[in-house]
Amino acid sequence: MATTEGSAMKPQTVKAPLYKRLGWLVLIWACSVAALGVAAWLMRLLMNAAGLGAPH
């Protein structure tokens, strides 16, 4: 009966360098903050158009 080595059964995954992983984290965070800002701006625009803005 043939035996297989344990390492041949596991797929080898290469971890990206820390700076790339942190870069992706920062990029995703920045995009989510920007999307939230755009959503808030659009809501403010719609509220002002409906006359619901704060008095000046």
PDB file of N, CA and C in Angstrom:
ATOM      1  N   MET A   1       0.847  -1.167   0.000  1.00  0.00           N
ATOM      2  CA  MET A   1       0.000   0.000   0.000  1.00  0.00           C
ATOM      3  C   MET A   1       0.899   1.239   0.000  1.00  0.00           C
ATOM      4  N   ALA A   2       0.608   2.163  -0.882  1.00  0.00           N
ATOM      5  CA  ALA A   2       1.413   3.369  -1.002  1.00  0.00           C
ATOM      6  C   ALA A   2       0.983   4.384   0.050  1.00  0.00           C
ATOM      7  N   THR A   3       1.960   5.071   0.586  1.00  0.00           N
ATOM      8  CA  THR A   3       1.652   6.114   1.571  1.00  0.00           C
ATOM      9  C   THR A   3       1.937   7.469   0.952  1.00  0.00           C
ATOM     10  N   THR A   4       1.132   8.426   1.326  1.00  0.00           N
ATOM     11  CA  THR A   4       1.358   9.793   0.847  1.00  0.00           C
ATOM     12  C   THR A   4       1.846  10.632   2.012  1.00  0.00           C
ATOM     13  N   GLU A   5       2.663  11.571   1.701  1.00  0.00           N
ATOM     14  CA  GLU A   5       3.174  12.450   2.744  1.00  0.00           C
ATOM     15  C   GLU A   5       2.096  13.443   3.144  1.00  0.00           C
ATOM     16  N   GLY A   6       2.064  13.802   4.392  1.00  0.00           N
ATOM     17  CA  GLY A   6       1.051  14.723   4.904  1.00  0.00           C
ATOM     18  C   GLY A   6       1.108  16.094   4.260  1.00  0.00           C
ATOM     19  N   SER A   7       2.309  16.568   3.934  1.00  0.00           N
ATOM     20  CA  SER A   7       2.421  17.901   3.354  1.00  0.00           C
ATOM     21  C   SER A   7       1.875  17.942   1.936  1.00  0.00           C
ATOM     22  N   ALA A   8       1.861  16.820   1.246  1.00  0.00           N
ATOM     23  CA  ALA A   8       1.343  16.797  -0.115  1.00  0.00           C
ATOM     24  C   ALA A   8      -0.178  16.901  -0.127  1.00  0.00           C
ATOM     25  N   MET A   9      -0.820  16.569   0.981  1.00  0.00           N
ATOM     26  CA  MET A   9      -2.277  16.603   1.040  1.00  0.00           C
ATOM     27  C   MET A   9      -2.811  18.013   1.329  1.00  0.00           C
ATOM     28  N   LYS A  10      -2.013  18.847   1.977  1.00  0.00           N
ATOM     29  CA  LYS A  10      -2.455  20.193   2.327  1.00  0.00           C
ATOM     30  C   LYS A  10      -2.102  21.161   1.201  1.00  0.00           C
ATOM     31  N   PRO A  11      -3.030  22.029   0.823  1.00  0.00           N
ATOM     32  CA  PRO A  11      -2.669  23.046  -0.172  1.00  0.00           C
ATOM     33  C   PRO A  11      -1.749  24.084   0.468  1.00  0.00           C
ATOM     34  N   GLN A  12      -0.756  24.483  -0.258  1.00  0.00           N
ATOM     35  CA  GLN A  12       0.179  25.482   0.238  1.00  0.00           C
ATOM     36  C   GLN A  12      -0.401  26.870  -0.005  1.00  0.00           C
ATOM     37  N   THR A  13      -0.619  27.621   1.052  1.00  0.00           N
ATOM     38  CA  THR A  13      -1.101  28.991   0.917  1.00  0.00           C
ATOM     39  C   THR A  13       0.034  29.933   1.254  1.00  0.00           C
ATOM     40  N   VAL A  14       0.236  30.892   0.387  1.00  0.00           N
ATOM     41  CA  VAL A  14       1.290  31.877   0.595  1.00  0.00           C
ATOM     42  C   VAL A  14       0.641  33.115   1.195  1.00  0.00           C
ATOM     43  N   LYS A  15       1.116  33.517   2.359  1.00  0.00           N
ATOM     44  CA  LYS A  15       0.586  34.700   3.019  1.00  0.00           C
ATOM     45  C   LYS A  15       1.203  35.937   2.388  1.00  0.00           C
ATOM     46  N   ALA A  16       0.355  36.926   2.134  1.00  0.00           N
ATOM     47  CA  ALA A  16       0.856  38.189   1.599  1.00  0.00           C
ATOM     48  C   ALA A  16       1.645  38.907   2.691  1.00  0.00           C
ATOM     49  N   PRO A  17       2.569  39.773   2.293  1.00  0.00           N
ATOM     50  CA  PRO A  17       3.325  40.535   3.296  1.00  0.00           C
ATOM     51  C   PRO A  17       2.390  41.407   4.143  1.00  0.00           C
ATOM     52  N   LEU A  18       2.847  41.730   5.334  1.00  0.00           N
ATOM     53  CA  LEU A  18       2.033  42.496   6.273  1.00  0.00           C
ATOM     54  C   LEU A  18       1.630  43.849   5.691  1.00  0.00           C
ATOM     55  N   TYR A  19       2.531  44.529   4.987  1.00  0.00           N
ATOM     56  CA  TYR A  19       2.202  45.850   4.457  1.00  0.00           C
ATOM     57  C   TYR A  19       1.085  45.768   3.419  1.00  0.00           C
ATOM     58  N   LYS A  20       1.019  44.671   2.662  1.00  0.00           N
ATOM     59  CA  LYS A  20      -0.064  44.529   1.682  1.00  0.00           C
ATOM     60  C   LYS A  20      -1.390  44.261   2.375  1.00  0.00           C
ATOM     61  N   ARG A  21      -1.357  43.420   3.404  1.00  0.00           N
ATOM     62  CA  ARG A  21      -2.593  43.128   4.135  1.00  0.00           C
ATOM     63  C   ARG A  21      -3.104  44.374   4.847  1.00  0.00           C
ATOM     64  N   LEU A  22      -2.191  45.141   5.454  1.00  0.00           N
ATOM     65  CA  LEU A  22      -2.599  46.385   6.103  1.00  0.00           C
ATOM     66  C   LEU A  22      -3.063  47.412   5.079  1.00  0.00           C
ATOM     67  N   GLY A  23      -2.435  47.407   3.920  1.00  0.00           N
ATOM     68  CA  GLY A  23      -2.852  48.313   2.849  1.00  0.00           C
ATOM     69  C   GLY A  23      -4.287  48.046   2.410  1.00  0.00           C
ATOM     70  N   TRP A  24      -4.629  46.783   2.261  1.00  0.00           N
ATOM     71  CA  TRP A  24      -6.005  46.424   1.897  1.00  0.00           C
ATOM     72  C   TRP A  24      -6.970  46.842   2.995  1.00  0.00           C
ATOM     73  N   LEU A  25      -6.582  46.640   4.242  1.00  0.00           N
ATOM     74  CA  LEU A  25      -7.431  47.022   5.370  1.00  0.00           C
ATOM     75  C   LEU A  25      -7.708  48.522   5.350  1.00  0.00           C
ATOM     76  N   VAL A  26      -6.662  49.312   5.154  1.00  0.00           N
ATOM     77  CA  VAL A  26      -6.811  50.768   5.120  1.00  0.00           C
ATOM     78  C   VAL A  26      -7.640  51.189   3.909  1.00  0.00           C
ATOM     79  N   LEU A  27      -7.420  50.560   2.773  1.00  0.00           N
ATOM     80  CA  LEU A  27      -8.175  50.896   1.566  1.00  0.00           C
ATOM     81  C   LEU A  27      -9.663  50.606   1.743  1.00  0.00           C
ATOM     82  N   ILE A  28      -9.990  49.456   2.281  1.00  0.00           N
ATOM     83  CA  ILE A  28     -11.394  49.100   2.496  1.00  0.00           C
ATOM     84  C   ILE A  28     -12.024  50.039   3.523  1.00  0.00           C
ATOM     85  N   TRP A  29     -11.286  50.375   4.585  1.00  0.00           N
ATOM     86  CA  TRP A  29     -11.797  51.306   5.589  1.00  0.00           C
ATOM     87  C   TRP A  29     -12.054  52.673   4.966  1.00  0.00           C
ATOM     88  N   ALA A  30     -11.106  53.185   4.176  1.00  0.00           N
ATOM     89  CA  ALA A  30     -11.255  54.503   3.562  1.00  0.00           C
ATOM     90  C   ALA A  30     -12.435  54.527   2.594  1.00  0.00           C
ATOM     91  N   CYS A  31     -12.614  53.464   1.838  1.00  0.00           N
ATOM     92  CA  CYS A  31     -13.749  53.396   0.908  1.00  0.00           C
ATOM     93  C   CYS A  31     -15.070  53.352   1.663  1.00  0.00           C
ATOM     94  N   SER A  32     -15.112  52.652   2.771  1.00  0.00           N
ATOM     95  CA  SER A  32     -16.358  52.597   3.539  1.00  0.00           C
ATOM     96  C   SER A  32     -16.670  53.951   4.169  1.00  0.00           C
ATOM     97  N   VAL A  33     -15.665  54.660   4.646  1.00  0.00           N
ATOM     98  CA  VAL A  33     -15.875  55.992   5.206  1.00  0.00           C
ATOM     99  C   VAL A  33     -16.335  56.950   4.109  1.00  0.00           C
ATOM    100  N   ALA A  34     -15.739  56.855   2.924  1.00  0.00           N
ATOM    101  CA  ALA A  34     -16.148  57.704   1.806  1.00  0.00           C
ATOM    102  C   ALA A  34     -17.585  57.402   1.386  1.00  0.00           C
ATOM    103  N   ALA A  35     -17.950  56.135   1.340  1.00  0.00           N
ATOM    104  CA  ALA A  35     -19.322  55.763   0.972  1.00  0.00           C
ATOM    105  C   ALA A  35     -20.318  56.294   2.001  1.00  0.00           C
ATOM    106  N   LEU A  36     -19.966  56.230   3.272  1.00  0.00           N
ATOM    107  CA  LEU A  36     -20.834  56.768   4.314  1.00  0.00           C
ATOM    108  C   LEU A  36     -20.971  58.282   4.168  1.00  0.00           C
ATOM    109  N   GLY A  37     -19.885  58.951   3.830  1.00  0.00           N
ATOM    110  CA  GLY A  37     -19.934  60.394   3.608  1.00  0.00           C
ATOM    111  C   GLY A  37     -20.816  60.764   2.431  1.00  0.00           C
ATOM    112  N   VAL A  38     -20.739  60.007   1.352  1.00  0.00           N
ATOM    113  CA  VAL A  38     -21.586  60.259   0.181  1.00  0.00           C
ATOM    114  C   VAL A  38     -23.052  60.031   0.535  1.00  0.00           C
ATOM    115  N   ALA A  39     -23.339  58.970   1.275  1.00  0.00           N
ATOM    116  CA  ALA A  39     -24.721  58.692   1.680  1.00  0.00           C
ATOM    117  C   ALA A  39     -25.260  59.821   2.563  1.00  0.00           C
ATOM    118  N   ALA A  40     -24.457  60.313   3.493  1.00  0.00           N
ATOM    119  CA  ALA A  40     -24.882  61.414   4.359  1.00  0.00           C
ATOM    120  C   ALA A  40     -25.104  62.684   3.549  1.00  0.00           C
ATOM    121  N   TRP A  41     -24.233  62.947   2.588  1.00  0.00           N
ATOM    122  CA  TRP A  41     -24.372  64.130   1.740  1.00  0.00           C
ATOM    123  C   TRP A  41     -25.650  64.052   0.914  1.00  0.00           C
ATOM    124  N   LEU A  42     -25.943  62.873   0.354  1.00  0.00           N
ATOM    125  CA  LEU A  42     -27.167  62.710  -0.432  1.00  0.00           C
ATOM    126  C   LEU A  42     -28.413  62.878   0.439  1.00  0.00           C
ATOM    127  N   MET A  43     -28.382  62.338   1.641  1.00  0.00           N
ATOM    128  CA  MET A  43     -29.530  62.507   2.544  1.00  0.00           C
ATOM    129  C   MET A  43     -29.724  63.976   2.907  1.00  0.00           C
ATOM    130  N   ARG A  44     -28.638  64.670   3.139  1.00  0.00           N
ATOM    131  CA  ARG A  44     -28.727  66.098   3.458  1.00  0.00           C
ATOM    132  C   ARG A  44     -29.267  66.881   2.272  1.00  0.00           C
ATOM    133  N   LEU A  45     -28.828  66.520   1.067  1.00  0.00           N
ATOM    134  CA  LEU A  45     -29.305  67.170  -0.150  1.00  0.00           C
ATOM    135  C   LEU A  45     -30.809  66.958  -0.316  1.00  0.00           C
ATOM    136  N   LEU A  46     -31.261  65.723  -0.117  1.00  0.00           N
ATOM    137  CA  LEU A  46     -32.688  65.423  -0.240  1.00  0.00           C
ATOM    138  C   LEU A  46     -33.505  66.117   0.850  1.00  0.00           C
ATOM    139  N   MET A  47     -32.979  66.170   2.055  1.00  0.00           N
ATOM    140  CA  MET A  47     -33.696  66.842   3.141  1.00  0.00           C
ATOM    141  C   MET A  47     -33.808  68.339   2.879  1.00  0.00           C
ATOM    142  N   ASN A  48     -32.749  68.952   2.367  1.00  0.00           N
ATOM    143  CA  ASN A  48     -32.805  70.374   2.036  1.00  0.00           C
ATOM    144  C   ASN A  48     -33.786  70.624   0.900  1.00  0.00           C
ATOM    145  N   ALA A  49     -33.842  69.726  -0.075  1.00  0.00           N
ATOM    146  CA  ALA A  49     -34.778  69.874  -1.191  1.00  0.00           C
ATOM    147  C   ALA A  49     -36.220  69.762  -0.710  1.00  0.00           C
ATOM    148  N   ALA A  50     -36.456  68.985   0.335  1.00  0.00           N
ATOM    149  CA  ALA A  50     -37.802  68.813   0.882  1.00  0.00           C
ATOM    150  C   ALA A  50     -38.134  69.893   1.912  1.00  0.00           C
ATOM    151  N   GLY A  51     -37.216  70.808   2.156  1.00  0.00           N
ATOM    152  CA  GLY A  51     -37.462  71.875   3.117  1.00  0.00           C
ATOM    153  C   GLY A  51     -37.238  71.460   4.558  1.00  0.00           C
ATOM    154  N   LEU A  52     -36.468  70.436   4.773  1.00  0.00           N
ATOM    155  CA  LEU A  52     -36.223  69.946   6.127  1.00  0.00           C
ATOM    156  C   LEU A  52     -34.861  70.361   6.669  1.00  0.00           C
ATOM    157  N   GLY A  53     -34.225  71.318   6.037  1.00  0.00           N
ATOM    158  CA  GLY A  53     -32.905  71.738   6.483  1.00  0.00           C
ATOM    159  C   GLY A  53     -32.976  72.595   7.736  1.00  0.00           C
ATOM    160  N   ALA A  54     -31.857  72.786   8.366  1.00  0.00           N
ATOM    161  CA  ALA A  54     -31.779  73.624   9.561  1.00  0.00           C
ATOM    162  C   ALA A  54     -31.859  75.092   9.145  1.00  0.00           C
ATOM    163  N   PRO A  55     -32.541  75.930   9.941  1.00  0.00           N
ATOM    164  CA  PRO A  55     -32.621  77.360   9.602  1.00  0.00           C
ATOM    165  C   PRO A  55     -31.253  78.025   9.751  1.00  0.00           C
ATOM    166  N   HIS A  56     -30.993  78.995   8.892  1.00  0.00           N
ATOM    167  CA  HIS A  56     -29.694  79.693   8.928  1.00  0.00           C
ATOM    168  C   HIS A  56     -29.839  81.015   9.615  1.00  0.00           C
TER     169      HIS A  56
END
